[in-house]
Structure formats: structure tokens, C-alpha cells
PDB file of N, CA and C in Angstrom:
ATOM      1  N   MET A   1     -43.148 222.465  23.601  1.00  0.00           N
ATOM      2  CA  MET A   1     -43.700 221.537  22.638  1.00  0.00           C
ATOM      3  C   MET A   1     -43.571 222.133  21.238  1.00  0.00           C
ATOM      4  N   PRO A   2     -43.416 221.291  20.217  1.00  0.00           N
ATOM      5  CA  PRO A   2     -43.249 221.789  18.848  1.00  0.00           C
ATOM      6  C   PRO A   2     -44.467 222.523  18.302  1.00  0.00           C
ATOM      7  N   VAL A   3     -45.668 222.025  18.563  1.00  0.00           N
ATOM      8  CA  VAL A   3     -46.903 222.704  18.165  1.00  0.00           C
ATOM      9  C   VAL A   3     -47.916 222.546  19.294  1.00  0.00           C
ATOM     10  N   ALA A   4     -48.821 223.514  19.405  1.00  0.00           N
ATOM     11  CA  ALA A   4     -49.792 223.501  20.495  1.00  0.00           C
ATOM     12  C   ALA A   4     -51.230 223.335  20.030  1.00  0.00           C
ATOM     13  N   GLN A   5     -51.477 223.606  18.763  1.00  0.00           N
ATOM     14  CA  GLN A   5     -52.842 223.493  18.261  1.00  0.00           C
ATOM     15  C   GLN A   5     -52.811 222.906  16.854  1.00  0.00           C
ATOM     16  N   PRO A   6     -53.944 222.370  16.393  1.00  0.00           N
ATOM     17  CA  PRO A   6     -53.958 221.656  15.110  1.00  0.00           C
ATOM     18  C   PRO A   6     -54.013 222.546  13.870  1.00  0.00           C
ATOM     19  N   ALA A   7     -54.104 223.847  14.043  1.00  0.00           N
ATOM     20  CA  ALA A   7     -54.206 224.773  12.907  1.00  0.00           C
ATOM     21  C   ALA A   7     -53.551 226.097  13.293  1.00  0.00           C
ATOM     22  N   PRO A   8     -53.198 226.916  12.299  1.00  0.00           N
ATOM     23  CA  PRO A   8     -52.537 228.188  12.627  1.00  0.00           C
ATOM     24  C   PRO A   8     -53.410 229.145  13.419  1.00  0.00           C
ATOM     25  N   VAL A   9     -54.702 229.172  13.139  1.00  0.00           N
ATOM     26  CA  VAL A   9     -55.603 230.103  13.819  1.00  0.00           C
ATOM     27  C   VAL A   9     -56.853 229.346  14.249  1.00  0.00           C
ATOM     28  N   ILE A  10     -57.220 229.529  15.509  1.00  0.00           N
ATOM     29  CA  ILE A  10     -58.466 228.964  16.007  1.00  0.00           C
ATOM     30  C   ILE A  10     -59.271 230.104  16.609  1.00  0.00           C
ATOM     31  N   ASN A  11     -60.494 230.266  16.129  1.00  0.00           N
ATOM     32  CA  ASN A  11     -61.386 231.315  16.626  1.00  0.00           C
ATOM     33  C   ASN A  11     -62.251 230.760  17.748  1.00  0.00           C
ATOM     34  N   TYR A  12     -62.485 231.594  18.747  1.00  0.00           N
ATOM     35  CA  TYR A  12     -63.308 231.230  19.895  1.00  0.00           C
ATOM     36  C   TYR A  12     -64.419 232.264  20.038  1.00  0.00           C
ATOM     37  N   PRO A  13     -65.524 232.101  19.318  1.00  0.00           N
ATOM     38  CA  PRO A  13     -66.572 233.124  19.312  1.00  0.00           C
ATOM     39  C   PRO A  13     -67.495 233.114  20.530  1.00  0.00           C
ATOM     40  N   ASN A  14     -67.459 232.076  21.351  1.00  0.00           N
ATOM     41  CA  ASN A  14     -68.420 231.973  22.450  1.00  0.00           C
ATOM     42  C   ASN A  14     -67.750 231.620  23.774  1.00  0.00           C
ATOM     43  N   ASP A  15     -68.210 232.264  24.833  1.00  0.00           N
ATOM     44  CA  ASP A  15     -67.872 231.868  26.204  1.00  0.00           C
ATOM     45  C   ASP A  15     -66.381 231.736  26.501  1.00  0.00           C
ATOM     46  N   HIS A  16     -65.557 232.571  25.900  1.00  0.00           N
ATOM     47  CA  HIS A  16     -64.128 232.596  26.195  1.00  0.00           C
ATOM     48  C   HIS A  16     -63.717 234.052  26.402  1.00  0.00           C
ATOM     49  N   LEU A  17     -62.688 234.262  27.195  1.00  0.00           N
ATOM     50  CA  LEU A  17     -62.182 235.618  27.376  1.00  0.00           C
ATOM     51  C   LEU A  17     -61.502 236.139  26.112  1.00  0.00           C
ATOM     52  N   TYR A  18     -60.927 235.223  25.326  1.00  0.00           N
ATOM     53  CA  TYR A  18     -60.223 235.596  24.101  1.00  0.00           C
ATOM     54  C   TYR A  18     -61.052 235.177  22.890  1.00  0.00           C
ATOM     55  N   THR A  19     -60.778 235.826  21.752  1.00  0.00           N
ATOM     56  CA  THR A  19     -61.555 235.545  20.542  1.00  0.00           C
ATOM     57  C   THR A  19     -60.787 234.706  19.526  1.00  0.00           C
ATOM     58  N   ARG A  20     -59.459 234.654  19.662  1.00  0.00           N
ATOM     59  CA  ARG A  20     -58.657 233.961  18.658  1.00  0.00           C
ATOM     60  C   ARG A  20     -57.313 233.592  19.271  1.00  0.00           C
ATOM     61  N   VAL A  21     -56.781 232.438  18.841  1.00  0.00           N
ATOM     62  CA  VAL A  21     -55.430 232.033  19.218  1.00  0.00           C
ATOM     63  C   VAL A  21     -54.685 231.726  17.919  1.00  0.00           C
ATOM     64  N   THR A  22     -53.518 232.340  17.757  1.00  0.00           N
ATOM     65  CA  THR A  22     -52.722 232.159  16.541  1.00  0.00           C
ATOM     66  C   THR A  22     -51.368 231.559  16.896  1.00  0.00           C
ATOM     67  N   GLU A  23     -50.976 230.565  16.129  1.00  0.00           N
ATOM     68  CA  GLU A  23     -49.656 229.956  16.237  1.00  0.00           C
ATOM     69  C   GLU A  23     -48.944 230.238  14.913  1.00  0.00           C
ATOM     70  N   PHE A  24     -48.119 231.271  14.897  1.00  0.00           N
ATOM     71  CA  PHE A  24     -47.571 231.824  13.664  1.00  0.00           C
ATOM     72  C   PHE A  24     -46.605 230.899  12.938  1.00  0.00           C
ATOM     73  N   LYS A  25     -45.990 229.960  13.632  1.00  0.00           N
ATOM     74  CA  LYS A  25     -45.019 229.101  12.954  1.00  0.00           C
ATOM     75  C   LYS A  25     -45.667 228.289  11.833  1.00  0.00           C
ATOM     76  N   TYR A  26     -46.975 228.027  11.928  1.00  0.00           N
ATOM     77  CA  TYR A  26     -47.676 227.373  10.817  1.00  0.00           C
ATOM     78  C   TYR A  26     -47.634 228.249   9.563  1.00  0.00           C
ATOM     79  N   LEU A  27     -47.757 229.541   9.750  1.00  0.00           N
ATOM     80  CA  LEU A  27     -47.842 230.468   8.617  1.00  0.00           C
ATOM     81  C   LEU A  27     -46.474 230.737   8.000  1.00  0.00           C
ATOM     82  N   SER A  28     -45.436 230.691   8.801  1.00  0.00           N
ATOM     83  CA  SER A  28     -44.102 231.019   8.301  1.00  0.00           C
ATOM     84  C   SER A  28     -43.296 229.799   7.882  1.00  0.00           C
ATOM     85  N   GLY A  29     -43.749 228.593   8.281  1.00  0.00           N
ATOM     86  CA  GLY A  29     -42.993 227.390   7.979  1.00  0.00           C
ATOM     87  C   GLY A  29     -41.828 227.163   8.925  1.00  0.00           C
ATOM     88  N   GLN A  30     -41.767 227.939   9.994  1.00  0.00           N
ATOM     89  CA  GLN A  30     -40.681 227.822  10.965  1.00  0.00           C
ATOM     90  C   GLN A  30     -40.665 226.429  11.588  1.00  0.00           C
ATOM     91  N   GLU A  31     -39.480 225.890  11.782  1.00  0.00           N
ATOM     92  CA  GLU A  31     -39.319 224.620  12.475  1.00  0.00           C
ATOM     93  C   GLU A  31     -38.484 224.884  13.718  1.00  0.00           C
ATOM     94  N   HIS A  32     -39.038 224.554  14.869  1.00  0.00           N
ATOM     95  CA  HIS A  32     -38.368 224.794  16.138  1.00  0.00           C
ATOM     96  C   HIS A  32     -38.994 223.866  17.171  1.00  0.00           C
ATOM     97  N   PRO A  33     -38.242 223.423  18.167  1.00  0.00           N
ATOM     98  CA  PRO A  33     -38.817 222.509  19.159  1.00  0.00           C
ATOM     99  C   PRO A  33     -39.828 223.166  20.102  1.00  0.00           C
ATOM    100  N   LYS A  34     -39.894 224.466  20.092  1.00  0.00           N
ATOM    101  CA  LYS A  34     -40.864 225.186  20.920  1.00  0.00           C
ATOM    102  C   LYS A  34     -41.750 226.046  20.033  1.00  0.00           C
ATOM    103  N   THR A  35     -42.855 226.532  20.580  1.00  0.00           N
ATOM    104  CA  THR A  35     -43.785 227.333  19.795  1.00  0.00           C
ATOM    105  C   THR A  35     -44.244 228.545  20.593  1.00  0.00           C
ATOM    106  N   THR A  36     -44.959 229.424  19.924  1.00  0.00           N
ATOM    107  CA  THR A  36     -45.506 230.626  20.548  1.00  0.00           C
ATOM    108  C   THR A  36     -46.968 230.751  20.156  1.00  0.00           C
ATOM    109  N   LEU A  37     -47.787 231.106  21.118  1.00  0.00           N
ATOM    110  CA  LEU A  37     -49.202 231.352  20.867  1.00  0.00           C
ATOM    111  C   LEU A  37     -49.516 232.807  21.162  1.00  0.00           C
ATOM    112  N   VAL A  38     -50.383 233.384  20.346  1.00  0.00           N
ATOM    113  CA  VAL A  38     -50.858 234.750  20.569  1.00  0.00           C
ATOM    114  C   VAL A  38     -52.355 234.673  20.812  1.00  0.00           C
ATOM    115  N   TYR A  39     -52.787 235.240  21.929  1.00  0.00           N
ATOM    116  CA  TYR A  39     -54.204 235.282  22.287  1.00  0.00           C
ATOM    117  C   TYR A  39     -54.723 236.685  22.044  1.00  0.00           C
ATOM    118  N   GLU A  40     -55.858 236.796  21.361  1.00  0.00           N
ATOM    119  CA  GLU A  40     -56.474 238.107  21.110  1.00  0.00           C
ATOM    120  C   GLU A  40     -57.689 238.263  22.010  1.00  0.00           C
ATOM    121  N   TYR A  41     -57.697 239.375  22.741  1.00  0.00           N
ATOM    122  CA  TYR A  41     -58.781 239.678  23.668  1.00  0.00           C
ATOM    123  C   TYR A  41     -59.569 240.869  23.150  1.00  0.00           C
ATOM    124  N   PRO A  42     -60.883 240.784  23.105  1.00  0.00           N
ATOM    125  CA  PRO A  42     -61.679 241.913  22.619  1.00  0.00           C
ATOM    126  C   PRO A  42     -61.715 243.044  23.649  1.00  0.00           C
ATOM    127  N   THR A  43     -61.737 244.265  23.135  1.00  0.00           N
ATOM    128  CA  THR A  43     -61.869 245.436  23.998  1.00  0.00           C
ATOM    129  C   THR A  43     -62.410 246.589  23.173  1.00  0.00           C
ATOM    130  N   ASP A  44     -63.074 247.495  23.826  1.00  0.00           N
ATOM    131  CA  ASP A  44     -63.532 248.696  23.128  1.00  0.00           C
ATOM    132  C   ASP A  44     -62.728 249.915  23.577  1.00  0.00           C
ATOM    133  N   GLU A  45     -61.610 249.688  24.240  1.00  0.00           N
ATOM    134  CA  GLU A  45     -60.734 250.769  24.690  1.00  0.00           C
ATOM    135  C   GLU A  45     -59.423 250.727  23.916  1.00  0.00           C
ATOM    136  N   GLY A  46     -58.771 251.875  23.776  1.00  0.00           N
ATOM    137  CA  GLY A  46     -57.470 251.930  23.127  1.00  0.00           C
ATOM    138  C   GLY A  46     -57.572 251.950  21.616  1.00  0.00           C
ATOM    139  N   ASP A  47     -56.445 251.716  20.968  1.00  0.00           N
ATOM    140  CA  ASP A  47     -56.380 251.729  19.509  1.00  0.00           C
ATOM    141  C   ASP A  47     -57.073 250.493  18.945  1.00  0.00           C
ATOM    142  N   PRO A  48     -57.720 250.633  17.789  1.00  0.00           N
ATOM    143  CA  PRO A  48     -58.374 249.464  17.182  1.00  0.00           C
ATOM    144  C   PRO A  48     -57.333 248.455  16.692  1.00  0.00           C
ATOM    145  N   TYR A  49     -57.721 247.181  16.684  1.00  0.00           N
ATOM    146  CA  TYR A  49     -56.829 246.126  16.210  1.00  0.00           C
ATOM    147  C   TYR A  49     -56.639 246.171  14.699  1.00  0.00           C
ATOM    148  N   TYR A  50     -57.623 246.691  14.000  1.00  0.00           N
ATOM    149  CA  TYR A  50     -57.587 246.688  12.543  1.00  0.00           C
ATOM    150  C   TYR A  50     -57.691 248.117  12.032  1.00  0.00           C
ATOM    151  N   PRO A  51     -57.146 248.377  10.847  1.00  0.00           N
ATOM    152  CA  PRO A  51     -57.277 249.710  10.263  1.00  0.00           C
ATOM    153  C   PRO A  51     -58.752 250.051  10.043  1.00  0.00           C
ATOM    154  N   VAL A  52     -59.092 251.272  10.347  1.00  0.00           N
ATOM    155  CA  VAL A  52     -60.457 251.751  10.143  1.00  0.00           C
ATOM    156  C   VAL A  52     -60.446 252.636   8.902  1.00  0.00           C
ATOM    157  N   PRO A  53     -61.129 252.220   7.818  1.00  0.00           N
ATOM    158  CA  PRO A  53     -61.069 252.971   6.555  1.00  0.00           C
ATOM    159  C   PRO A  53     -61.932 254.239   6.593  1.00  0.00           C
ATOM    160  N   THR A  54     -61.345 255.313   7.089  1.00  0.00           N
ATOM    161  CA  THR A  54     -62.025 256.604   7.117  1.00  0.00           C
ATOM    162  C   THR A  54     -61.256 257.588   6.242  1.00  0.00           C
ATOM    163  N   ALA A  55     -61.902 258.668   5.871  1.00  0.00           N
ATOM    164  CA  ALA A  55     -61.230 259.697   5.068  1.00  0.00           C
ATOM    165  C   ALA A  55     -60.044 260.282   5.838  1.00  0.00           C
ATOM    166  N   ALA A  56     -60.204 260.486   7.132  1.00  0.00           N
ATOM    167  CA  ALA A  56     -59.127 261.049   7.945  1.00  0.00           C
ATOM    168  C   ALA A  56     -57.915 260.106   7.971  1.00  0.00           C
ATOM    169  N   ASN A  57     -58.159 258.798   8.099  1.00  0.00           N
ATOM    170  CA  ASN A  57     -57.055 257.839   8.101  1.00  0.00           C
ATOM    171  C   ASN A  57     -56.389 257.754   6.731  1.00  0.00           C
ATOM    172  N   ALA A  58     -57.164 257.837   5.662  1.00  0.00           N
ATOM    173  CA  ALA A  58     -56.595 257.822   4.306  1.00  0.00           C
ATOM    174  C   ALA A  58     -55.698 259.040   4.093  1.00  0.00           C
ATOM    175  N   ALA A  59     -56.123 260.195   4.578  1.00  0.00           N
ATOM    176  CA  ALA A  59     -55.315 261.414   4.449  1.00  0.00           C
ATOM    177  C   ALA A  59     -54.029 261.301   5.268  1.00  0.00           C
ATOM    178  N   LEU A  60     -54.135 260.740   6.464  1.00  0.00           N
ATOM    179  CA  LEU A  60     -52.952 260.554   7.304  1.00  0.00           C
ATOM    180  C   LEU A  60     -51.982 259.575   6.651  1.00  0.00           C
ATOM    181  N   TYR A  61     -52.504 258.484   6.095  1.00  0.00           N
ATOM    182  CA  TYR A  61     -51.652 257.515   5.415  1.00  0.00           C
ATOM    183  C   TYR A  61     -50.942 258.158   4.225  1.00  0.00           C
ATOM    184  N   ALA A  62     -51.629 259.003   3.474  1.00  0.00           N
ATOM    185  CA  ALA A  62     -51.010 259.693   2.331  1.00  0.00           C
ATOM    186  C   ALA A  62     -49.835 260.543   2.792  1.00  0.00           C
ATOM    187  N   LYS A  63     -49.972 261.180   3.944  1.00  0.00           N
ATOM    188  CA  LYS A  63     -48.854 261.972   4.492  1.00  0.00           C
ATOM    189  C   LYS A  63     -47.675 261.080   4.845  1.00  0.00           C
ATOM    190  N   TYR A  64     -47.971 259.933   5.474  1.00  0.00           N
ATOM    191  CA  TYR A  64     -46.897 259.005   5.813  1.00  0.00           C
ATOM    192  C   TYR A  64     -46.217 258.472   4.552  1.00  0.00           C
ATOM    193  N   GLN A  65     -46.997 258.168   3.527  1.00  0.00           N
ATOM    194  CA  GLN A  65     -46.431 257.671   2.265  1.00  0.00           C
ATOM    195  C   GLN A  65     -45.503 258.707   1.647  1.00  0.00           C
ATOM    196  N   ALA A  66     -45.934 259.964   1.648  1.00  0.00           N
ATOM    197  CA  ALA A  66     -45.104 261.029   1.079  1.00  0.00           C
ATOM    198  C   ALA A  66     -43.799 261.171   1.851  1.00  0.00           C
ATOM    199  N   LEU A  67     -43.884 261.116   3.167  1.00  0.00           N
ATOM    200  CA  LEU A  67     -42.685 261.215   3.992  1.00  0.00           C
ATOM    201  C   LEU A  67     -41.764 260.016   3.744  1.00  0.00           C
ATOM    202  N   ALA A  68     -42.337 258.826   3.656  1.00  0.00           N
ATOM    203  CA  ALA A  68     -41.533 257.619   3.435  1.00  0.00           C
ATOM    204  C   ALA A  68     -40.850 257.647   2.077  1.00  0.00           C
ATOM    205  N   SER A  69     -41.511 258.188   1.062  1.00  0.00           N
ATOM    206  CA  SER A  69     -40.904 258.222  -0.271  1.00  0.00           C
ATOM    207  C   SER A  69     -39.667 259.113  -0.301  1.00  0.00           C
ATOM    208  N   ASP A  70     -39.583 260.053   0.641  1.00  0.00           N
ATOM    209  CA  ASP A  70     -38.415 260.931   0.737  1.00  0.00           C
ATOM    210  C   ASP A  70     -37.400 260.443   1.767  1.00  0.00           C
ATOM    211  N   THR A  71     -37.672 259.299   2.389  1.00  0.00           N
ATOM    212  CA  THR A  71     -36.802 258.770   3.434  1.00  0.00           C
ATOM    213  C   THR A  71     -36.261 257.412   2.996  1.00  0.00           C
ATOM    214  N   PRO A  72     -34.947 257.292   2.841  1.00  0.00           N
ATOM    215  CA  PRO A  72     -34.375 256.011   2.404  1.00  0.00           C
ATOM    216  C   PRO A  72     -34.670 254.887   3.396  1.00  0.00           C
ATOM    217  N   ASN A  73     -34.826 253.690   2.855  1.00  0.00           N
ATOM    218  CA  ASN A  73     -34.956 252.473   3.657  1.00  0.00           C
ATOM    219  C   ASN A  73     -36.193 252.429   4.550  1.00  0.00           C
ATOM    220  N   VAL A  74     -37.267 253.060   4.121  1.00  0.00           N
ATOM    221  CA  VAL A  74     -38.521 252.989   4.864  1.00  0.00           C
ATOM    222  C   VAL A  74     -39.559 252.294   3.995  1.00  0.00           C
ATOM    223  N   GLN A  75     -40.212 251.287   4.567  1.00  0.00           N
ATOM    224  CA  GLN A  75     -41.243 250.533   3.847  1.00  0.00           C
ATOM    225  C   GLN A  75     -42.363 250.218   4.820  1.00  0.00           C
ATOM    226  N   PHE A  76     -43.596 250.387   4.399  1.00  0.00           N
ATOM    227  CA  PHE A  76     -44.749 250.049   5.219  1.00  0.00           C
ATOM    228  C   PHE A  76     -45.281 248.691   4.805  1.00  0.00           C
ATOM    229  N   LEU A  77     -45.513 247.821   5.776  1.00  0.00           N
ATOM    230  CA  LEU A  77     -46.037 246.489   5.528  1.00  0.00           C
ATOM    231  C   LEU A  77     -47.153 246.184   6.517  1.00  0.00           C
ATOM    232  N   GLY A  78     -47.972 245.212   6.169  1.00  0.00           N
ATOM    233  CA  GLY A  78     -48.977 244.723   7.100  1.00  0.00           C
ATOM    234  C   GLY A  78     -50.213 245.593   7.172  1.00  0.00           C
ATOM    235  N   ARG A  79     -51.100 245.220   8.095  1.00  0.00           N
ATOM    236  CA  ARG A  79     -52.383 245.900   8.235  1.00  0.00           C
ATOM    237  C   ARG A  79     -52.236 247.375   8.577  1.00  0.00           C
ATOM    238  N   LEU A  80     -51.583 247.658   9.669  1.00  0.00           N
ATOM    239  CA  LEU A  80     -51.483 249.045  10.094  1.00  0.00           C
ATOM    240  C   LEU A  80     -50.471 249.825   9.265  1.00  0.00           C
ATOM    241  N   GLY A  81     -49.477 249.124   8.729  1.00  0.00           N
ATOM    242  CA  GLY A  81     -48.490 249.795   7.892  1.00  0.00           C
ATOM    243  C   GLY A  81     -49.058 250.287   6.576  1.00  0.00           C
ATOM    244  N   THR A  82     -50.065 249.606   6.060  1.00  0.00           N
ATOM    245  CA  THR A  82     -50.651 249.987   4.777  1.00  0.00           C
ATOM    246  C   THR A  82     -52.087 250.491   4.899  1.00  0.00           C
ATOM    247  N   TYR A  83     -52.602 250.535   6.124  1.00  0.00           N
ATOM    248  CA  TYR A  83     -53.984 250.966   6.382  1.00  0.00           C
ATOM    249  C   TYR A  83     -54.988 250.151   5.570  1.00  0.00           C
ATOM    250  N   LYS A  84     -54.724 248.847   5.444  1.00  0.00           N
ATOM    251  CA  LYS A  84     -55.624 247.948   4.734  1.00  0.00           C
ATOM    252  C   LYS A  84     -55.816 246.695   5.579  1.00  0.00           C
ATOM    253  N   TYR A  85     -56.967 246.075   5.443  1.00  0.00           N
ATOM    254  CA  TYR A  85     -57.195 244.822   6.141  1.00  0.00           C
ATOM    255  C   TYR A  85     -56.648 243.676   5.297  1.00  0.00           C
ATOM    256  N   TYR A  86     -55.839 242.837   5.913  1.00  0.00           N
ATOM    257  CA  TYR A  86     -55.330 241.621   5.290  1.00  0.00           C
ATOM    258  C   TYR A  86     -55.571 240.464   6.253  1.00  0.00           C
ATOM    259  N   ASN A  87     -55.775 239.266   5.724  1.00  0.00           N
ATOM    260  CA  ASN A  87     -55.729 238.083   6.551  1.00  0.00           C
ATOM    261  C   ASN A  87     -54.279 237.868   6.977  1.00  0.00           C
ATOM    262  N   MET A  88     -54.074 237.205   8.090  1.00  0.00           N
ATOM    263  CA  MET A  88     -52.717 237.072   8.612  1.00  0.00           C
ATOM    264  C   MET A  88     -51.804 236.271   7.680  1.00  0.00           C
ATOM    265  N   ASP A  89     -52.335 235.301   6.948  1.00  0.00           N
ATOM    266  CA  ASP A  89     -51.477 234.579   6.014  1.00  0.00           C
ATOM    267  C   ASP A  89     -50.969 235.519   4.925  1.00  0.00           C
ATOM    268  N   GLN A  90     -51.794 236.499   4.551  1.00  0.00           N
ATOM    269  CA  GLN A  90     -51.370 237.487   3.558  1.00  0.00           C
ATOM    270  C   GLN A  90     -50.279 238.402   4.127  1.00  0.00           C
ATOM    271  N   VAL A  91     -50.397 238.771   5.393  1.00  0.00           N
ATOM    272  CA  VAL A  91     -49.401 239.633   6.033  1.00  0.00           C
ATOM    273  C   VAL A  91     -48.062 238.902   6.127  1.00  0.00           C
ATOM    274  N   VAL A  92     -48.088 237.638   6.540  1.00  0.00           N
ATOM    275  CA  VAL A  92     -46.856 236.859   6.629  1.00  0.00           C
ATOM    276  C   VAL A  92     -46.233 236.704   5.247  1.00  0.00           C
ATOM    277  N   ALA A  93     -47.040 236.391   4.237  1.00  0.00           N
ATOM    278  CA  ALA A  93     -46.521 236.250   2.871  1.00  0.00           C
ATOM    279  C   ALA A  93     -45.923 237.567   2.375  1.00  0.00           C
ATOM    280  N   GLN A  94     -46.587 238.682   2.673  1.00  0.00           N
ATOM    281  CA  GLN A  94     -46.085 239.999   2.278  1.00  0.00           C
ATOM    282  C   GLN A  94     -44.721 240.260   2.932  1.00  0.00           C
ATOM    283  N   SER A  95     -44.596 239.939   4.201  1.00  0.00           N
ATOM    284  CA  SER A  95     -43.343 240.157   4.923  1.00  0.00           C
ATOM    285  C   SER A  95     -42.226 239.270   4.393  1.00  0.00           C
ATOM    286  N   LEU A  96     -42.537 238.003   4.140  1.00  0.00           N
ATOM    287  CA  LEU A  96     -41.520 237.087   3.606  1.00  0.00           C
ATOM    288  C   LEU A  96     -41.076 237.496   2.207  1.00  0.00           C
ATOM    289  N   ALA A  97     -42.021 237.948   1.388  1.00  0.00           N
ATOM    290  CA  ALA A  97     -41.682 238.398   0.035  1.00  0.00           C
ATOM    291  C   ALA A  97     -40.789 239.637   0.091  1.00  0.00           C
ATOM    292  N   PHE A  98     -41.095 240.548   1.001  1.00  0.00           N
ATOM    293  CA  PHE A  98     -40.280 241.758   1.123  1.00  0.00           C
ATOM    294  C   PHE A  98     -38.873 241.413   1.611  1.00  0.00           C
ATOM    295  N   TYR A  99     -38.780 240.500   2.579  1.00  0.00           N
ATOM    296  CA  TYR A  99     -37.467 240.069   3.046  1.00  0.00           C
ATOM    297  C   TYR A  99     -36.666 239.448   1.896  1.00  0.00           C
ATOM    298  N   SER A 100     -37.311 238.583   1.119  1.00  0.00           N
ATOM    299  CA  SER A 100     -36.623 237.961  -0.011  1.00  0.00           C
ATOM    300  C   SER A 100     -36.091 239.010  -0.970  1.00  0.00           C
ATOM    301  N   LYS A 101     -36.888 240.043  -1.206  1.00  0.00           N
ATOM    302  CA  LYS A 101     -36.458 241.135  -2.089  1.00  0.00           C
ATOM    303  C   LYS A 101     -35.239 241.851  -1.501  1.00  0.00           C
ATOM    304  N   LEU A 102     -35.292 242.151  -0.198  1.00  0.00           N
ATOM    305  CA  LEU A 102     -34.159 242.825   0.449  1.00  0.00           C
ATOM    306  C   LEU A 102     -32.901 241.965   0.429  1.00  0.00           C
ATOM    307  N   ALA A 103     -33.089 240.666   0.630  1.00  0.00           N
ATOM    308  CA  ALA A 103     -31.948 239.756   0.695  1.00  0.00           C
ATOM    309  C   ALA A 103     -31.447 239.339  -0.681  1.00  0.00           C
ATOM    310  N   GLY A 104     -32.177 239.745  -1.743  1.00  0.00           N
ATOM    311  CA  GLY A 104     -31.776 239.378  -3.091  1.00  0.00           C
ATOM    312  C   GLY A 104     -32.023 237.916  -3.421  1.00  0.00           C
ATOM    313  N   LEU A 105     -32.964 237.307  -2.723  1.00  0.00           N
ATOM    314  CA  LEU A 105     -33.288 235.904  -2.963  1.00  0.00           C
ATOM    315  C   LEU A 105     -34.250 235.788  -4.135  1.00  0.00           C
ATOM    316  N   PRO A 106     -34.214 234.655  -4.845  1.00  0.00           N
ATOM    317  CA  PRO A 106     -35.163 234.477  -5.945  1.00  0.00           C
ATOM    318  C   PRO A 106     -36.576 234.399  -5.397  1.00  0.00           C
ATOM    319  N   ARG A 107     -37.509 234.893  -6.169  1.00  0.00           N
ATOM    320  CA  ARG A 107     -38.914 234.885  -5.764  1.00  0.00           C
ATOM    321  C   ARG A 107     -39.449 233.460  -5.806  1.00  0.00           C
ATOM    322  N   ARG A 108     -40.155 233.076  -4.740  1.00  0.00           N
ATOM    323  CA  ARG A 108     -40.768 231.754  -4.668  1.00  0.00           C
ATOM    324  C   ARG A 108     -42.261 231.896  -4.769  1.00  0.00           C
ATOM    325  N   GLU A 109     -42.869 230.932  -5.430  1.00  0.00           N
ATOM    326  CA  GLU A 109     -44.320 230.893  -5.468  1.00  0.00           C
ATOM    327  C   GLU A 109     -44.796 230.290  -4.145  1.00  0.00           C
ATOM    328  N   ILE A 110     -45.803 230.895  -3.549  1.00  0.00           N
ATOM    329  CA  ILE A 110     -46.340 230.401  -2.299  1.00  0.00           C
ATOM    330  C   ILE A 110     -47.548 229.550  -2.613  1.00  0.00           C
ATOM    331  N   ALA A 111     -47.543 228.333  -2.125  1.00  0.00           N
ATOM    332  CA  ALA A 111     -48.659 227.404  -2.383  1.00  0.00           C
ATOM    333  C   ALA A 111     -49.925 227.927  -1.747  1.00  0.00           C
ATOM    334  N   ALA A 112     -51.022 227.796  -2.467  1.00  0.00           N
ATOM    335  CA  ALA A 112     -52.307 228.260  -1.945  1.00  0.00           C
ATOM    336  C   ALA A 112     -52.923 227.218  -1.045  1.00  0.00           C
TER     337      ALA A 112
END
């Protein structure tokens, strides 16, 4: 099916195994006869879903930044890439803007 839900993100705070369902094609403007859904399940095991702003993580990120600045063609994007929390529409916009820059495309204003 072309779309599965009426909005890009639907949160399910009560009585569901998952907490959120995202249909990314809304955020990217993709047109395709099929779609993809991502279900987020809460857990207290494993790596956190979001960057945790601690001094140790900031120091680790600084090391990665220094290494990347000396390494050609390396760029950090998104939540975990920049150790910052972003809404998903911001992450998609950041990725599309970076692609446009790499491809040499003119910068487009993104409607709010």
C-alpha cells in the first residue's frame, strides 16, 4: 500500500508493546507504491535509543570529531552521529541537506 498511517509518526503511550510507529516516506517526500513502517519497542537493556548527554560521552565525541577532521570524507549526522537529540524531521532534513551539498545541488528551503 502507498501509505499505512495518517501521519509520519504515531505515538502509542498506553497498552501497546511498542511506543511509536514511524512512516519515513512522509518525512522525506518519497513517492512509491509501497511503504515501510518502523516500530519502536521500549527496553532497559542494550544501548540507549537516544544520546545521553554526559561528560564522558562529550569527551568521547570530541575524540571522534578530532579523528574525523583528520580523515577525508567522514561526516557525522543524526542523533548518535552528533551526540545530540533531534526530532526525526530534523534528522531527515539534516541528511537531505548534506546530500544536496555533496551532490552540488542548490539549497532548498524546507517548508515548516
